[in-house]
Amino acid sequence: MGRAFVYVILGGGVAAGYAALEFARRGVPHGELCIISEETVAPYERPALSKGYLLPEAPARLPSFHTCVGANDERLTPKWYKENGIELVLGTRVKSADVRRKTLIIATGETISYKILIIATGFKT
């Protein structure tokens, strides 16, 4: 067996972070939502990182790490996810998906089942 969730978000980018925020705003019960990502950190604002680096100011610099942001500048840190009952499965690759059985097999061999899968993997070059 493995873990089971009602909702699984596959991907750890900005779309996953803001989807989790909306789930929390709508009162998703604790333990029903999981985010699986190859990233080793909680979802963060990649556009803010790259755009800041491209600013014409000299010298070029990267802005500070910027997590997704909720109401009143609330940062969606790992603590925020925990407080909202959202499980982060980070640094984890999904090896296979069986959409008929609604299961994912992660690199460790564990099976994660879901009722609804949201694919928010973004675009990687």
N, C-alpha and C. Protein backbone atom coordinates (compact mmCIF):
# COMPACT_ATOMS: atom_id res chain seq x y z
N MET A 1 0.84 -1.18 0.00
CA MET A 1 0.00 0.00 0.00
C MET A 1 0.88 1.24 0.00
N GLY A 2 0.25 2.35 -0.03
CA GLY A 2 0.95 3.62 0.00
C GLY A 2 0.04 4.67 0.61
N ARG A 3 0.35 5.88 0.30
CA ARG A 3 -0.47 6.98 0.79
C ARG A 3 -1.63 7.24 -0.17
N ALA A 4 -2.70 7.81 0.37
CA ALA A 4 -3.88 8.13 -0.45
C ALA A 4 -4.34 9.53 -0.13
N PHE A 5 -4.70 10.26 -1.19
CA PHE A 5 -5.18 11.62 -1.07
C PHE A 5 -6.40 11.81 -1.96
N VAL A 6 -7.19 12.79 -1.65
CA VAL A 6 -8.29 13.15 -2.54
C VAL A 6 -7.71 13.88 -3.74
N TYR A 7 -6.82 14.84 -3.47
CA TYR A 7 -6.22 15.67 -4.52
C TYR A 7 -4.70 15.52 -4.50
N VAL A 8 -4.11 15.36 -5.67
CA VAL A 8 -2.66 15.38 -5.81
C VAL A 8 -2.32 16.40 -6.88
N ILE A 9 -1.41 17.30 -6.53
CA ILE A 9 -0.86 18.25 -7.52
C ILE A 9 0.51 17.72 -7.88
N LEU A 10 0.72 17.45 -9.15
CA LEU A 10 2.00 16.95 -9.64
C LEU A 10 2.75 18.13 -10.23
N GLY A 11 3.83 18.53 -9.59
CA GLY A 11 4.62 19.68 -10.01
C GLY A 11 4.79 20.62 -8.83
N GLY A 12 5.88 21.36 -8.83
CA GLY A 12 6.16 22.23 -7.68
C GLY A 12 6.43 23.66 -8.04
N GLY A 13 5.89 24.11 -9.15
CA GLY A 13 6.09 25.49 -9.56
C GLY A 13 5.04 26.43 -9.00
N VAL A 14 5.01 27.60 -9.57
CA VAL A 14 4.11 28.65 -9.10
C VAL A 14 2.64 28.23 -9.24
N ALA A 15 2.29 27.50 -10.28
CA ALA A 15 0.89 27.05 -10.45
C ALA A 15 0.49 26.12 -9.32
N ALA A 16 1.38 25.24 -8.91
CA ALA A 16 1.09 24.33 -7.80
C ALA A 16 0.91 25.11 -6.50
N GLY A 17 1.76 26.10 -6.27
CA GLY A 17 1.66 26.90 -5.05
C GLY A 17 0.34 27.66 -4.96
N TYR A 18 -0.05 28.28 -6.06
CA TYR A 18 -1.29 29.05 -6.03
C TYR A 18 -2.52 28.15 -6.08
N ALA A 19 -2.41 26.97 -6.66
CA ALA A 19 -3.53 26.01 -6.58
C ALA A 19 -3.71 25.58 -5.12
N ALA A 20 -2.61 25.31 -4.43
CA ALA A 20 -2.69 24.92 -3.01
C ALA A 20 -3.30 26.05 -2.19
N LEU A 21 -2.93 27.28 -2.49
CA LEU A 21 -3.50 28.43 -1.78
C LEU A 21 -5.01 28.47 -1.96
N GLU A 22 -5.48 28.25 -3.18
CA GLU A 22 -6.92 28.28 -3.44
C GLU A 22 -7.63 27.13 -2.72
N PHE A 23 -7.01 25.96 -2.72
CA PHE A 23 -7.59 24.84 -1.96
C PHE A 23 -7.71 25.21 -0.49
N ALA A 24 -6.67 25.81 0.08
CA ALA A 24 -6.70 26.20 1.49
C ALA A 24 -7.78 27.24 1.74
N ARG A 25 -7.91 28.21 0.85
CA ARG A 25 -8.94 29.24 0.99
C ARG A 25 -10.34 28.64 0.97
N ARG A 26 -10.50 27.57 0.22
CA ARG A 26 -11.81 26.91 0.11
C ARG A 26 -12.03 25.86 1.20
N GLY A 27 -11.06 25.75 2.10
CA GLY A 27 -11.23 24.89 3.26
C GLY A 27 -11.01 23.41 3.04
N VAL A 28 -10.07 23.05 2.16
CA VAL A 28 -9.80 21.62 1.96
C VAL A 28 -9.41 21.01 3.30
N PRO A 29 -10.03 19.89 3.67
CA PRO A 29 -9.69 19.25 4.94
C PRO A 29 -8.22 18.81 4.99
N HIS A 30 -7.65 18.85 6.17
CA HIS A 30 -6.26 18.42 6.35
C HIS A 30 -6.09 16.99 5.89
N GLY A 31 -4.98 16.75 5.18
CA GLY A 31 -4.65 15.41 4.73
C GLY A 31 -5.25 15.01 3.40
N GLU A 32 -6.05 15.88 2.80
CA GLU A 32 -6.66 15.52 1.51
C GLU A 32 -5.85 15.98 0.30
N LEU A 33 -4.89 16.89 0.51
CA LEU A 33 -4.13 17.47 -0.61
C LEU A 33 -2.65 17.20 -0.43
N CYS A 34 -2.02 16.84 -1.54
CA CYS A 34 -0.59 16.56 -1.56
C CYS A 34 0.02 17.21 -2.80
N ILE A 35 1.23 17.73 -2.65
CA ILE A 35 2.00 18.24 -3.79
C ILE A 35 3.23 17.35 -3.93
N ILE A 36 3.43 16.81 -5.13
CA ILE A 36 4.61 15.99 -5.41
C ILE A 36 5.48 16.77 -6.39
N SER A 37 6.76 16.94 -6.04
CA SER A 37 7.65 17.73 -6.89
C SER A 37 9.07 17.19 -6.84
N GLU A 38 9.75 17.30 -7.97
CA GLU A 38 11.18 16.99 -7.99
C GLU A 38 12.00 18.06 -7.28
N GLU A 39 11.44 19.27 -7.19
CA GLU A 39 12.12 20.34 -6.47
C GLU A 39 12.30 19.93 -5.01
N THR A 40 13.35 20.41 -4.40
CA THR A 40 13.60 20.08 -2.99
C THR A 40 13.08 21.16 -2.05
N VAL A 41 12.44 22.18 -2.61
CA VAL A 41 11.88 23.28 -1.82
C VAL A 41 10.42 23.46 -2.19
N ALA A 42 9.68 24.12 -1.30
CA ALA A 42 8.26 24.41 -1.55
C ALA A 42 8.12 25.27 -2.81
N PRO A 43 6.94 25.22 -3.45
CA PRO A 43 6.73 26.03 -4.66
C PRO A 43 7.13 27.49 -4.46
N TYR A 44 7.80 28.05 -5.45
CA TYR A 44 8.25 29.43 -5.36
C TYR A 44 8.09 30.14 -6.70
N GLU A 45 8.24 31.45 -6.66
CA GLU A 45 8.02 32.31 -7.82
C GLU A 45 9.24 32.32 -8.74
N ARG A 46 9.30 31.40 -9.66
CA ARG A 46 10.42 31.38 -10.61
C ARG A 46 10.43 32.62 -11.50
N PRO A 47 9.28 33.09 -11.99
CA PRO A 47 9.33 34.29 -12.83
C PRO A 47 9.98 35.48 -12.12
N ALA A 48 9.70 35.64 -10.84
CA ALA A 48 10.31 36.75 -10.10
C ALA A 48 11.82 36.59 -10.04
N LEU A 49 12.30 35.35 -9.93
CA LEU A 49 13.73 35.12 -9.88
C LEU A 49 14.40 35.47 -11.20
N SER A 50 13.86 34.96 -12.32
CA SER A 50 14.50 35.19 -13.61
C SER A 50 14.35 36.63 -14.08
N LYS A 51 13.18 37.22 -13.87
CA LYS A 51 12.97 38.59 -14.34
C LYS A 51 13.86 39.56 -13.56
N GLY A 52 14.02 39.33 -12.27
CA GLY A 52 14.89 40.18 -11.47
C GLY A 52 16.33 40.13 -11.97
N TYR A 53 16.76 38.97 -12.41
CA TYR A 53 18.12 38.82 -12.90
C TYR A 53 18.31 39.58 -14.21
N LEU A 54 17.24 39.71 -14.99
CA LEU A 54 17.34 40.36 -16.29
C LEU A 54 17.16 41.88 -16.23
N LEU A 55 16.92 42.43 -15.06
CA LEU A 55 16.76 43.88 -14.95
C LEU A 55 18.02 44.59 -15.44
N PRO A 56 17.87 45.78 -16.00
CA PRO A 56 19.03 46.48 -16.58
C PRO A 56 19.98 47.06 -15.54
N GLU A 57 19.67 46.93 -14.27
CA GLU A 57 20.54 47.48 -13.23
C GLU A 57 21.86 46.71 -13.19
N ALA A 58 22.93 47.43 -12.94
CA ALA A 58 24.23 46.77 -12.84
C ALA A 58 24.64 46.74 -11.37
N PRO A 59 25.28 45.74 -10.90
CA PRO A 59 25.51 44.48 -11.60
C PRO A 59 24.27 43.60 -11.58
N ALA A 60 24.23 42.66 -12.50
CA ALA A 60 23.10 41.74 -12.55
C ALA A 60 23.03 40.99 -11.22
N ARG A 61 21.84 40.74 -10.75
CA ARG A 61 21.70 40.05 -9.47
C ARG A 61 20.41 39.25 -9.47
N LEU A 62 20.38 38.26 -8.62
CA LEU A 62 19.16 37.50 -8.39
C LEU A 62 18.50 38.05 -7.14
N PRO A 63 17.19 38.28 -7.17
CA PRO A 63 16.51 38.75 -5.96
C PRO A 63 16.49 37.64 -4.93
N SER A 64 16.11 37.98 -3.73
CA SER A 64 16.05 36.96 -2.68
C SER A 64 14.99 35.93 -3.00
N PHE A 65 15.13 34.77 -2.41
CA PHE A 65 14.20 33.66 -2.62
C PHE A 65 12.79 34.13 -2.33
N HIS A 66 11.84 33.82 -3.21
CA HIS A 66 10.49 34.37 -3.10
C HIS A 66 9.47 33.25 -3.21
N THR A 67 8.88 32.89 -2.09
CA THR A 67 7.85 31.86 -2.11
C THR A 67 6.57 32.44 -2.70
N CYS A 68 5.63 31.58 -3.00
CA CYS A 68 4.31 32.06 -3.41
C CYS A 68 3.72 32.87 -2.26
N VAL A 69 2.85 33.81 -2.58
CA VAL A 69 2.35 34.74 -1.58
C VAL A 69 0.83 34.68 -1.52
N GLY A 70 0.30 34.60 -0.30
CA GLY A 70 -1.14 34.61 -0.10
C GLY A 70 -1.62 35.99 0.28
N ALA A 71 -2.74 36.07 0.97
CA ALA A 71 -3.31 37.34 1.41
C ALA A 71 -2.39 38.01 2.42
N ASN A 72 -2.38 39.32 2.41
CA ASN A 72 -1.58 40.10 3.36
C ASN A 72 -0.11 39.71 3.35
N ASP A 73 0.43 39.44 2.17
CA ASP A 73 1.83 39.06 2.01
C ASP A 73 2.21 37.82 2.80
N GLU A 74 1.25 36.94 3.05
CA GLU A 74 1.52 35.68 3.74
C GLU A 74 2.38 34.80 2.84
N ARG A 75 3.53 34.39 3.32
CA ARG A 75 4.43 33.55 2.54
C ARG A 75 4.02 32.09 2.67
N LEU A 76 3.97 31.39 1.54
CA LEU A 76 3.61 29.98 1.54
C LEU A 76 4.86 29.14 1.77
N THR A 77 5.32 29.16 3.00
CA THR A 77 6.52 28.42 3.41
C THR A 77 6.14 26.98 3.74
N PRO A 78 7.12 26.10 3.94
CA PRO A 78 6.78 24.74 4.37
C PRO A 78 5.91 24.74 5.63
N LYS A 79 6.13 25.67 6.53
CA LYS A 79 5.30 25.77 7.74
C LYS A 79 3.85 26.06 7.37
N TRP A 80 3.61 26.94 6.39
CA TRP A 80 2.26 27.26 5.95
C TRP A 80 1.56 26.01 5.43
N TYR A 81 2.27 25.22 4.60
CA TYR A 81 1.67 24.00 4.05
C TYR A 81 1.30 23.05 5.19
N LYS A 82 2.20 22.90 6.15
CA LYS A 82 1.94 22.01 7.28
C LYS A 82 0.73 22.49 8.09
N GLU A 83 0.67 23.79 8.38
CA GLU A 83 -0.44 24.35 9.14
C GLU A 83 -1.78 24.17 8.42
N ASN A 84 -1.74 24.11 7.09
CA ASN A 84 -2.95 23.95 6.31
C ASN A 84 -3.22 22.50 5.92
N GLY A 85 -2.44 21.58 6.49
CA GLY A 85 -2.68 20.15 6.27
C GLY A 85 -2.38 19.68 4.87
N ILE A 86 -1.48 20.39 4.18
CA ILE A 86 -1.10 20.04 2.80
C ILE A 86 0.26 19.34 2.86
N GLU A 87 0.30 18.12 2.37
CA GLU A 87 1.55 17.37 2.43
C GLU A 87 2.43 17.70 1.23
N LEU A 88 3.68 18.04 1.52
CA LEU A 88 4.68 18.29 0.48
C LEU A 88 5.55 17.04 0.35
N VAL A 89 5.58 16.46 -0.83
CA VAL A 89 6.45 15.33 -1.12
C VAL A 89 7.50 15.88 -2.09
N LEU A 90 8.59 16.37 -1.52
CA LEU A 90 9.59 17.10 -2.30
C LEU A 90 10.79 16.22 -2.63
N GLY A 91 11.54 16.65 -3.65
CA GLY A 91 12.71 15.89 -4.07
C GLY A 91 12.32 14.50 -4.55
N THR A 92 11.15 14.40 -5.16
CA THR A 92 10.58 13.11 -5.51
C THR A 92 10.17 13.08 -6.98
N ARG A 93 10.63 12.08 -7.67
CA ARG A 93 10.28 11.90 -9.07
C ARG A 93 9.18 10.85 -9.19
N VAL A 94 8.21 11.13 -10.05
CA VAL A 94 7.16 10.15 -10.33
C VAL A 94 7.65 9.29 -11.49
N LYS A 95 7.74 7.98 -11.26
CA LYS A 95 8.21 7.05 -12.29
C LYS A 95 7.12 6.68 -13.27
N SER A 96 5.89 6.52 -12.75
CA SER A 96 4.80 6.14 -13.65
C SER A 96 3.46 6.57 -13.07
N ALA A 97 2.50 6.69 -13.98
CA ALA A 97 1.14 7.07 -13.59
C ALA A 97 0.17 6.12 -14.27
N ASP A 98 -0.78 5.65 -13.50
CA ASP A 98 -1.85 4.81 -14.04
C ASP A 98 -3.15 5.58 -13.83
N VAL A 99 -3.60 6.28 -14.87
CA VAL A 99 -4.78 7.13 -14.71
C VAL A 99 -6.06 6.33 -14.54
N ARG A 100 -6.10 5.12 -15.03
CA ARG A 100 -7.29 4.28 -14.82
C ARG A 100 -7.43 3.89 -13.35
N ARG A 101 -6.31 3.53 -12.76
CA ARG A 101 -6.33 3.13 -11.34
C ARG A 101 -6.13 4.31 -10.40
N LYS A 102 -5.85 5.47 -10.98
CA LYS A 102 -5.63 6.70 -10.21
C LYS A 102 -4.51 6.52 -9.19
N THR A 103 -3.36 6.07 -9.71
CA THR A 103 -2.19 5.87 -8.87
C THR A 103 -0.94 6.41 -9.53
N LEU A 104 -0.02 6.83 -8.70
CA LEU A 104 1.31 7.26 -9.13
C LEU A 104 2.31 6.38 -8.41
N ILE A 105 3.38 6.01 -9.10
CA ILE A 105 4.47 5.30 -8.44
C ILE A 105 5.67 6.23 -8.45
N ILE A 106 6.17 6.52 -7.26
CA ILE A 106 7.30 7.43 -7.14
C ILE A 106 8.60 6.64 -7.16
N ALA A 107 9.73 7.34 -7.27
CA ALA A 107 11.04 6.71 -7.45
C ALA A 107 11.38 5.69 -6.37
N THR A 108 10.86 5.86 -5.17
CA THR A 108 11.14 4.91 -4.08
C THR A 108 10.35 3.62 -4.24
N GLY A 109 9.40 3.59 -5.18
CA GLY A 109 8.55 2.43 -5.38
C GLY A 109 7.21 2.54 -4.67
N GLU A 110 7.06 3.57 -3.85
CA GLU A 110 5.79 3.78 -3.13
C GLU A 110 4.69 4.16 -4.11
N THR A 111 3.49 3.71 -3.81
CA THR A 111 2.32 4.07 -4.60
C THR A 111 1.54 5.17 -3.88
N ILE A 112 1.17 6.19 -4.62
CA ILE A 112 0.33 7.27 -4.08
C ILE A 112 -0.94 7.28 -4.91
N SER A 113 -2.07 7.13 -4.24
CA SER A 113 -3.34 7.14 -4.96
C SER A 113 -4.06 8.47 -4.75
N TYR A 114 -4.97 8.75 -5.65
CA TYR A 114 -5.69 10.02 -5.65
C TYR A 114 -7.07 9.83 -6.25
N LYS A 115 -7.93 10.80 -6.02
CA LYS A 115 -9.22 10.84 -6.70
C LYS A 115 -9.15 11.83 -7.86
N ILE A 116 -8.45 12.97 -7.61
CA ILE A 116 -8.31 14.00 -8.64
C ILE A 116 -6.83 14.38 -8.74
N LEU A 117 -6.30 14.33 -9.95
CA LEU A 117 -4.91 14.66 -10.23
C LEU A 117 -4.85 15.97 -11.00
N ILE A 118 -4.04 16.89 -10.49
CA ILE A 118 -3.80 18.16 -11.18
C ILE A 118 -2.34 18.14 -11.65
N ILE A 119 -2.15 18.22 -12.94
CA ILE A 119 -0.80 18.22 -13.48
C ILE A 119 -0.38 19.67 -13.70
N ALA A 120 0.61 20.09 -12.92
CA ALA A 120 1.09 21.47 -12.98
C ALA A 120 2.61 21.47 -13.05
N THR A 121 3.14 20.72 -14.02
CA THR A 121 4.58 20.55 -14.12
C THR A 121 5.29 21.71 -14.81
N GLY A 122 4.54 22.57 -15.45
CA GLY A 122 5.18 23.71 -16.10
C GLY A 122 6.00 23.29 -17.30
N PHE A 123 6.90 24.17 -17.66
CA PHE A 123 7.73 23.94 -18.84
C PHE A 123 9.18 23.97 -18.43
N LYS A 124 9.90 22.93 -18.73
CA LYS A 124 11.33 22.84 -18.39
C LYS A 124 12.12 22.70 -19.68
N THR A 125 13.20 23.42 -19.75
CA THR A 125 14.05 23.28 -20.94
C THR A 125 15.25 22.47 -20.63
